[in-house]
Amino acid sequence: MNDPQVEILLIEDNPDDAELAIRALKKKKLANNLLHISDSEEALEYLFGEGNNNYPKLILLDLKMPKIDGIQVLKRIKGDPDKKVIPVVMLTSSKEEKDIVESYNLGVNAYIVKPVQFDKFLDVVDQLGMFWLLINQPPK
């Protein structure tokens, strides 16, 4: 599963939401180096597995995940000295203030509520990909 070419790691358990995000990124030719993992445990294994020194440029993380929720995944990423610089965007359906506050307190880079309308969802994912992969200047 280790892929040095991964630019976007999409951690999303809902297959429909994952497919929409992937389609939006493909439409703008930003999904060539995308890895979708639907299980938070597998995502943590990918990120923290032995010998993995190749980090994605962006993590799109769902909040409401079975087994290990997005908050716990975010806590692990932002608590690691090497991985805390990876931009993490919470892409979720939760508008709950406590989720937003906790995410920002743990170091999330952006918190986006998934739009219900298909076209708006595609636009949001497109803008996220454009900003974090093409406009933003990350540390080396």
Protein backbone atom coordinates (compact mmCIF):
# COMPACT_ATOMS: atom_id res chain seq x y z
CA MET A 1 0.00 0.00 0.00
CA ASN A 2 3.00 2.32 0.33
CA ASP A 3 3.03 4.62 -2.70
CA PRO A 4 5.60 7.41 -2.96
CA GLN A 5 3.42 9.17 -5.53
CA VAL A 6 0.38 9.79 -3.29
CA GLU A 7 -0.50 13.48 -3.23
CA ILE A 8 -4.04 13.24 -1.82
CA LEU A 9 -5.08 10.75 0.81
CA LEU A 10 -8.87 10.55 0.97
CA ILE A 11 -10.09 8.91 4.19
CA GLU A 12 -13.82 8.44 3.64
CA ASP A 13 -16.02 5.48 4.56
CA ASN A 14 -19.07 6.54 2.52
CA PRO A 15 -18.57 5.15 -1.01
CA ASP A 16 -20.91 7.72 -2.59
CA ASP A 17 -19.10 10.70 -1.00
CA ALA A 18 -15.73 9.18 -1.91
CA GLU A 19 -16.80 8.71 -5.52
CA LEU A 20 -18.04 12.32 -5.73
CA ALA A 21 -14.76 13.64 -4.33
CA ILE A 22 -12.70 11.50 -6.69
CA ARG A 23 -14.81 12.55 -9.69
CA ALA A 24 -14.43 16.22 -8.80
CA LEU A 25 -10.67 15.90 -8.46
CA LYS A 26 -10.39 13.89 -11.68
CA LYS A 27 -12.39 16.53 -13.51
CA LYS A 28 -9.65 19.05 -12.68
CA LYS A 29 -6.89 16.49 -13.26
CA LEU A 30 -5.92 16.51 -9.56
CA ALA A 31 -6.66 12.85 -8.80
CA ASN A 32 -3.82 11.14 -10.65
CA ASN A 33 -1.98 10.52 -7.40
CA LEU A 34 -4.92 9.97 -5.08
CA LEU A 35 -5.30 7.12 -2.63
CA HIS A 36 -8.74 6.43 -1.18
CA ILE A 37 -8.87 4.46 2.06
CA SER A 38 -12.33 3.73 3.45
CA ASP A 39 -11.20 2.46 6.85
CA SER A 40 -9.60 4.72 9.47
CA GLU A 41 -7.50 1.86 10.90
CA GLU A 42 -6.05 1.17 7.45
CA ALA A 43 -5.40 4.88 6.98
CA LEU A 44 -3.42 5.02 10.23
CA GLU A 45 -1.50 1.92 9.20
CA TYR A 46 -0.70 3.56 5.88
CA LEU A 47 0.48 6.78 7.53
CA PHE A 48 2.31 5.26 10.49
CA GLY A 49 3.36 1.89 9.09
CA GLU A 50 6.97 0.93 9.41
CA GLY A 51 9.20 2.45 6.76
CA ASN A 52 6.64 4.91 5.38
CA ASN A 53 8.48 8.19 4.87
CA ASN A 54 6.38 9.31 1.91
CA TYR A 55 3.59 11.56 3.07
CA PRO A 56 0.67 12.89 1.05
CA LYS A 57 0.51 16.59 0.24
CA LEU A 58 -3.09 16.70 1.50
CA ILE A 59 -5.37 14.56 3.64
CA LEU A 60 -9.13 14.83 3.15
CA LEU A 61 -10.61 13.30 6.29
CA ASP A 62 -14.19 12.39 7.14
CA LEU A 63 -15.17 13.04 10.74
CA LYS A 64 -17.80 10.36 11.30
CA MET A 65 -15.99 7.07 10.69
CA PRO A 66 -16.62 3.63 12.21
CA LYS A 67 -14.01 2.09 14.54
CA ILE A 68 -11.78 5.16 14.87
CA ASP A 69 -13.42 8.52 14.20
CA GLY A 70 -11.83 11.37 12.30
CA ILE A 71 -10.99 13.26 15.50
CA GLN A 72 -8.80 10.39 16.69
CA VAL A 73 -7.10 10.14 13.28
CA LEU A 74 -6.50 13.91 13.32
CA LYS A 75 -5.09 13.69 16.86
CA ARG A 76 -2.58 11.03 15.76
CA ILE A 77 -1.49 12.97 12.67
CA LYS A 78 -1.12 16.34 14.39
CA GLY A 79 0.53 14.74 17.42
CA ASP A 80 3.37 13.32 15.33
CA PRO A 81 6.34 15.67 14.85
CA ASP A 82 6.97 14.49 11.28
CA LYS A 83 3.38 14.33 10.06
CA LYS A 84 1.86 17.37 11.75
CA VAL A 85 2.86 19.57 8.78
CA ILE A 86 0.63 17.58 6.40
CA PRO A 87 -2.45 19.72 5.68
CA VAL A 88 -5.59 17.97 6.92
CA VAL A 89 -8.99 19.13 5.73
CA MET A 90 -11.97 17.77 7.62
CA LEU A 91 -14.60 17.05 4.95
CA THR A 92 -17.73 16.09 6.85
CA SER A 93 -21.48 16.40 7.11
CA SER A 94 -21.28 17.53 10.76
CA LYS A 95 -22.12 21.15 11.46
CA GLU A 96 -21.86 20.63 15.22
CA GLU A 97 -19.92 23.45 16.88
CA LYS A 98 -18.16 21.04 19.26
CA ASP A 99 -16.80 19.06 16.27
CA ILE A 100 -15.58 22.24 14.59
CA VAL A 101 -13.94 23.59 17.75
CA GLU A 102 -12.31 20.27 18.64
CA SER A 103 -10.97 19.85 15.10
CA TYR A 104 -9.37 23.29 15.11
CA ASN A 105 -8.01 22.78 18.63
CA LEU A 106 -6.28 19.65 17.35
CA GLY A 107 -4.74 21.49 14.41
CA VAL A 108 -7.02 20.83 11.43
CA ASN A 109 -6.14 23.15 8.55
CA ALA A 110 -9.72 23.56 7.32
CA TYR A 111 -13.17 22.31 8.25
CA ILE A 112 -15.59 21.93 5.36
CA VAL A 113 -19.20 20.82 5.65
CA LYS A 114 -20.10 18.66 2.67
CA PRO A 115 -22.72 20.40 0.55
CA VAL A 116 -25.84 18.34 -0.10
CA GLN A 117 -26.20 19.47 -3.72
CA PHE A 118 -24.11 17.50 -6.19
CA ASP A 119 -22.79 20.52 -8.14
CA LYS A 120 -21.82 22.40 -4.98
CA PHE A 121 -20.05 19.31 -3.62
CA LEU A 122 -18.03 19.05 -6.84
CA ASP A 123 -17.14 22.76 -6.63
CA VAL A 124 -15.99 22.51 -3.02
CA VAL A 125 -13.74 19.51 -3.67
CA ASP A 126 -12.37 21.17 -6.79
CA GLN A 127 -11.48 24.33 -4.85
CA LEU A 128 -9.88 22.30 -2.05
CA GLY A 129 -7.69 20.42 -4.49
CA MET A 130 -6.69 23.54 -6.39
CA PHE A 131 -5.76 25.45 -3.25
CA TRP A 132 -3.89 22.76 -1.33
CA LEU A 133 -2.07 21.21 -4.30
CA LEU A 134 -1.41 24.17 -6.58
CA ILE A 135 -1.65 27.44 -4.63
CA ASN A 136 -0.53 26.57 -1.10
CA GLN A 137 3.23 26.48 -0.47
CA PRO A 138 4.00 23.69 2.02
CA PRO A 139 7.31 23.24 3.85
CA LYS A 140 9.75 20.87 2.18
